[in-house]
């Protein structure tokens, strides 16, 4: 008999690929999103970031690959929950967002809704 783990996620994840910048201390890293929810994000990076690292995440919110001039980049603090190497020599990581304000939550929800309809 298989042991099936319940889905502990509180938020729906959307498969969305956009550029992300991570500020880790004084270093800025570039990453690409795999999926996003209002609670966190999964990213592909060229280098390792460690579990427990605190970062500032900036997402350039685009529609069909074009930056929306009316929408400022989404920015929030996040903590690295897990990080693992891939067979391709890159890294994948899961980050949990800090507490989002109402305006941040609305901005992210608008983007995710638009991204979902674009697919």
C-alpha atoms as a PDB file:
ATOM      1  CA  UNK A   1       0.000   0.000   0.000  1.00  0.00           C
ATOM      2  CA  UNK A   2       1.319   3.443  -0.972  1.00  0.00           C
ATOM      3  CA  UNK A   3       1.721   6.174   1.570  1.00  0.00           C
ATOM      4  CA  UNK A   4       0.054   9.201  -0.034  1.00  0.00           C
ATOM      5  CA  UNK A   5       1.045  12.547   1.422  1.00  0.00           C
ATOM      6  CA  UNK A   6      -1.714  15.179   1.559  1.00  0.00           C
ATOM      7  CA  UNK A   7      -1.069  18.422  -0.324  1.00  0.00           C
ATOM      8  CA  UNK A   8      -0.085  20.859   2.417  1.00  0.00           C
ATOM      9  CA  UNK A   9      -0.050  23.877   0.134  1.00  0.00           C
ATOM     10  CA  UNK A  10      -2.362  26.692   1.105  1.00  0.00           C
ATOM     11  CA  UNK A  11      -2.220  28.476  -2.246  1.00  0.00           C
ATOM     12  CA  UNK A  12      -2.711  27.442  -5.860  1.00  0.00           C
ATOM     13  CA  UNK A  13       0.537  27.332  -7.845  1.00  0.00           C
ATOM     14  CA  UNK A  14       0.611  28.705 -11.380  1.00  0.00           C
ATOM     15  CA  UNK A  15       3.204  27.554 -13.921  1.00  0.00           C
ATOM     16  CA  UNK A  16       4.552  30.937 -14.975  1.00  0.00           C
ATOM     17  CA  UNK A  17       7.974  31.723 -16.421  1.00  0.00           C
ATOM     18  CA  UNK A  18       9.282  35.236 -15.795  1.00  0.00           C
ATOM     19  CA  UNK A  19      12.638  36.718 -14.888  1.00  0.00           C
ATOM     20  CA  UNK A  20      13.342  37.097 -11.192  1.00  0.00           C
ATOM     21  CA  UNK A  21      16.095  38.954  -9.397  1.00  0.00           C
ATOM     22  CA  UNK A  22      17.202  37.889  -5.948  1.00  0.00           C
ATOM     23  CA  UNK A  23      19.091  40.217  -3.646  1.00  0.00           C
ATOM     24  CA  UNK A  24      21.166  37.995  -1.349  1.00  0.00           C
ATOM     25  CA  UNK A  25      23.213  40.237   0.919  1.00  0.00           C
ATOM     26  CA  UNK A  26      25.030  42.561  -1.494  1.00  0.00           C
ATOM     27  CA  UNK A  27      24.792  40.142  -4.427  1.00  0.00           C
ATOM     28  CA  UNK A  28      22.096  40.240  -7.122  1.00  0.00           C
ATOM     29  CA  UNK A  29      21.261  36.872  -8.708  1.00  0.00           C
ATOM     30  CA  UNK A  30      19.158  36.326 -11.813  1.00  0.00           C
ATOM     31  CA  UNK A  31      16.707  33.429 -11.896  1.00  0.00           C
ATOM     32  CA  UNK A  32      13.723  32.166 -13.860  1.00  0.00           C
ATOM     33  CA  UNK A  33      10.443  31.209 -12.227  1.00  0.00           C
ATOM     34  CA  UNK A  34       8.949  27.722 -12.582  1.00  0.00           C
ATOM     35  CA  UNK A  35       5.773  28.405 -10.665  1.00  0.00           C
ATOM     36  CA  UNK A  36       4.341  31.137  -8.477  1.00  0.00           C
ATOM     37  CA  UNK A  37       1.637  31.347  -5.828  1.00  0.00           C
ATOM     38  CA  UNK A  38       0.647  34.112  -3.439  1.00  0.00           C
ATOM     39  CA  UNK A  39       2.621  32.205  -0.791  1.00  0.00           C
ATOM     40  CA  UNK A  40       5.893  31.592  -2.610  1.00  0.00           C
ATOM     41  CA  UNK A  41       7.840  30.729  -5.702  1.00  0.00           C
ATOM     42  CA  UNK A  42       9.914  28.010  -7.324  1.00  0.00           C
ATOM     43  CA  UNK A  43      12.995  29.173  -9.240  1.00  0.00           C
ATOM     44  CA  UNK A  44      15.782  27.915 -11.496  1.00  0.00           C
ATOM     45  CA  UNK A  45      19.211  29.447 -10.810  1.00  0.00           C
ATOM     46  CA  UNK A  46      22.756  29.095 -12.036  1.00  0.00           C
ATOM     47  CA  UNK A  47      24.116  28.688  -8.517  1.00  0.00           C
ATOM     48  CA  UNK A  48      23.181  27.358  -5.124  1.00  0.00           C
ATOM     49  CA  UNK A  49      21.290  29.342  -2.544  1.00  0.00           C
ATOM     50  CA  UNK A  50      21.050  27.781   0.888  1.00  0.00           C
ATOM     51  CA  UNK A  51      18.034  26.776   2.938  1.00  0.00           C
ATOM     52  CA  UNK A  52      17.258  29.528   5.421  1.00  0.00           C
ATOM     53  CA  UNK A  53      18.797  32.319   3.303  1.00  0.00           C
ATOM     54  CA  UNK A  54      16.757  35.530   3.393  1.00  0.00           C
ATOM     55  CA  UNK A  55      16.438  37.305   0.048  1.00  0.00           C
ATOM     56  CA  UNK A  56      14.538  40.131  -1.573  1.00  0.00           C
ATOM     57  CA  UNK A  57      12.717  38.851  -4.678  1.00  0.00           C
ATOM     58  CA  UNK A  58      11.859  41.142  -7.587  1.00  0.00           C
ATOM     59  CA  UNK A  59       9.633  39.799 -10.356  1.00  0.00           C
ATOM     60  CA  UNK A  60       9.322  41.592 -13.668  1.00  0.00           C
ATOM     61  CA  UNK A  61       5.646  40.938 -14.363  1.00  0.00           C
ATOM     62  CA  UNK A  62       5.067  40.491 -18.067  1.00  0.00           C
ATOM     63  CA  UNK A  63       2.254  39.456 -20.353  1.00  0.00           C
ATOM     64  CA  UNK A  64       3.275  37.419 -23.414  1.00  0.00           C
ATOM     65  CA  UNK A  65       6.919  38.259 -22.674  1.00  0.00           C
ATOM     66  CA  UNK A  66       6.319  42.016 -22.730  1.00  0.00           C
ATOM     67  CA  UNK A  67       6.781  44.116 -19.625  1.00  0.00           C
ATOM     68  CA  UNK A  68       3.625  46.027 -18.708  1.00  0.00           C
ATOM     69  CA  UNK A  69       4.626  49.690 -18.326  1.00  0.00           C
ATOM     70  CA  UNK A  70       1.587  50.283 -16.093  1.00  0.00           C
ATOM     71  CA  UNK A  71       2.651  47.580 -13.628  1.00  0.00           C
ATOM     72  CA  UNK A  72       5.666  48.139 -11.411  1.00  0.00           C
ATOM     73  CA  UNK A  73       7.843  45.105 -10.601  1.00  0.00           C
ATOM     74  CA  UNK A  74       6.625  42.925  -7.734  1.00  0.00           C
ATOM     75  CA  UNK A  75       9.055  42.948  -4.810  1.00  0.00           C
ATOM     76  CA  UNK A  76       8.986  41.175  -1.454  1.00  0.00           C
ATOM     77  CA  UNK A  77      11.160  39.471   1.126  1.00  0.00           C
ATOM     78  CA  UNK A  78      11.369  35.679   1.027  1.00  0.00           C
ATOM     79  CA  UNK A  79      13.125  32.778   2.743  1.00  0.00           C
ATOM     80  CA  UNK A  80      14.682  29.819   0.935  1.00  0.00           C
ATOM     81  CA  UNK A  81      12.786  26.712   2.102  1.00  0.00           C
ATOM     82  CA  UNK A  82      14.647  24.178  -0.041  1.00  0.00           C
ATOM     83  CA  UNK A  83      17.341  24.087  -2.708  1.00  0.00           C
ATOM     84  CA  UNK A  84      18.644  21.223  -4.853  1.00  0.00           C
ATOM     85  CA  UNK A  85      20.989  20.676  -7.800  1.00  0.00           C
ATOM     86  CA  UNK A  86      19.593  19.529 -11.153  1.00  0.00           C
ATOM     87  CA  UNK A  87      21.103  17.075 -13.620  1.00  0.00           C
ATOM     88  CA  UNK A  88      21.731  20.030 -15.956  1.00  0.00           C
ATOM     89  CA  UNK A  89      24.147  21.629 -13.483  1.00  0.00           C
ATOM     90  CA  UNK A  90      21.735  24.347 -12.386  1.00  0.00           C
ATOM     91  CA  UNK A  91      19.845  24.720  -9.122  1.00  0.00           C
ATOM     92  CA  UNK A  92      16.167  24.693  -8.282  1.00  0.00           C
ATOM     93  CA  UNK A  93      14.847  26.348  -5.141  1.00  0.00           C
ATOM     94  CA  UNK A  94      11.582  26.939  -3.329  1.00  0.00           C
ATOM     95  CA  UNK A  95      11.066  30.225  -1.514  1.00  0.00           C
ATOM     96  CA  UNK A  96       8.322  31.303   0.866  1.00  0.00           C
ATOM     97  CA  UNK A  97       7.260  34.939   0.649  1.00  0.00           C
ATOM     98  CA  UNK A  98       7.168  37.029   3.791  1.00  0.00           C
ATOM     99  CA  UNK A  99       3.895  38.631   4.797  1.00  0.00           C
ATOM    100  CA  UNK A 100       2.458  40.434   1.780  1.00  0.00           C
ATOM    101  CA  UNK A 101       0.566  43.684   2.113  1.00  0.00           C
ATOM    102  CA  UNK A 102      -2.871  44.022   0.533  1.00  0.00           C
ATOM    103  CA  UNK A 103      -1.520  45.962  -2.454  1.00  0.00           C
ATOM    104  CA  UNK A 104       1.201  43.335  -3.052  1.00  0.00           C
ATOM    105  CA  UNK A 105      -1.309  40.487  -2.827  1.00  0.00           C
ATOM    106  CA  UNK A 106      -3.679  42.208  -5.281  1.00  0.00           C
ATOM    107  CA  UNK A 107      -0.798  42.917  -7.696  1.00  0.00           C
ATOM    108  CA  UNK A 108       0.353  39.295  -7.639  1.00  0.00           C
ATOM    109  CA  UNK A 109      -3.198  37.930  -7.941  1.00  0.00           C
ATOM    110  CA  UNK A 110      -3.867  40.195 -10.986  1.00  0.00           C
ATOM    111  CA  UNK A 111      -0.695  38.957 -12.637  1.00  0.00           C
ATOM    112  CA  UNK A 112      -1.407  35.278 -11.903  1.00  0.00           C
ATOM    113  CA  UNK A 113      -4.978  35.592 -13.169  1.00  0.00           C
ATOM    114  CA  UNK A 114      -3.786  37.237 -16.397  1.00  0.00           C
ATOM    115  CA  UNK A 115      -1.035  34.638 -16.835  1.00  0.00           C
ATOM    116  CA  UNK A 116      -3.531  31.821 -16.371  1.00  0.00           C
ATOM    117  CA  UNK A 117      -5.888  33.235 -19.004  1.00  0.00           C
ATOM    118  CA  UNK A 118      -3.005  33.758 -21.440  1.00  0.00           C
ATOM    119  CA  UNK A 119      -2.259  30.002 -21.502  1.00  0.00           C
END
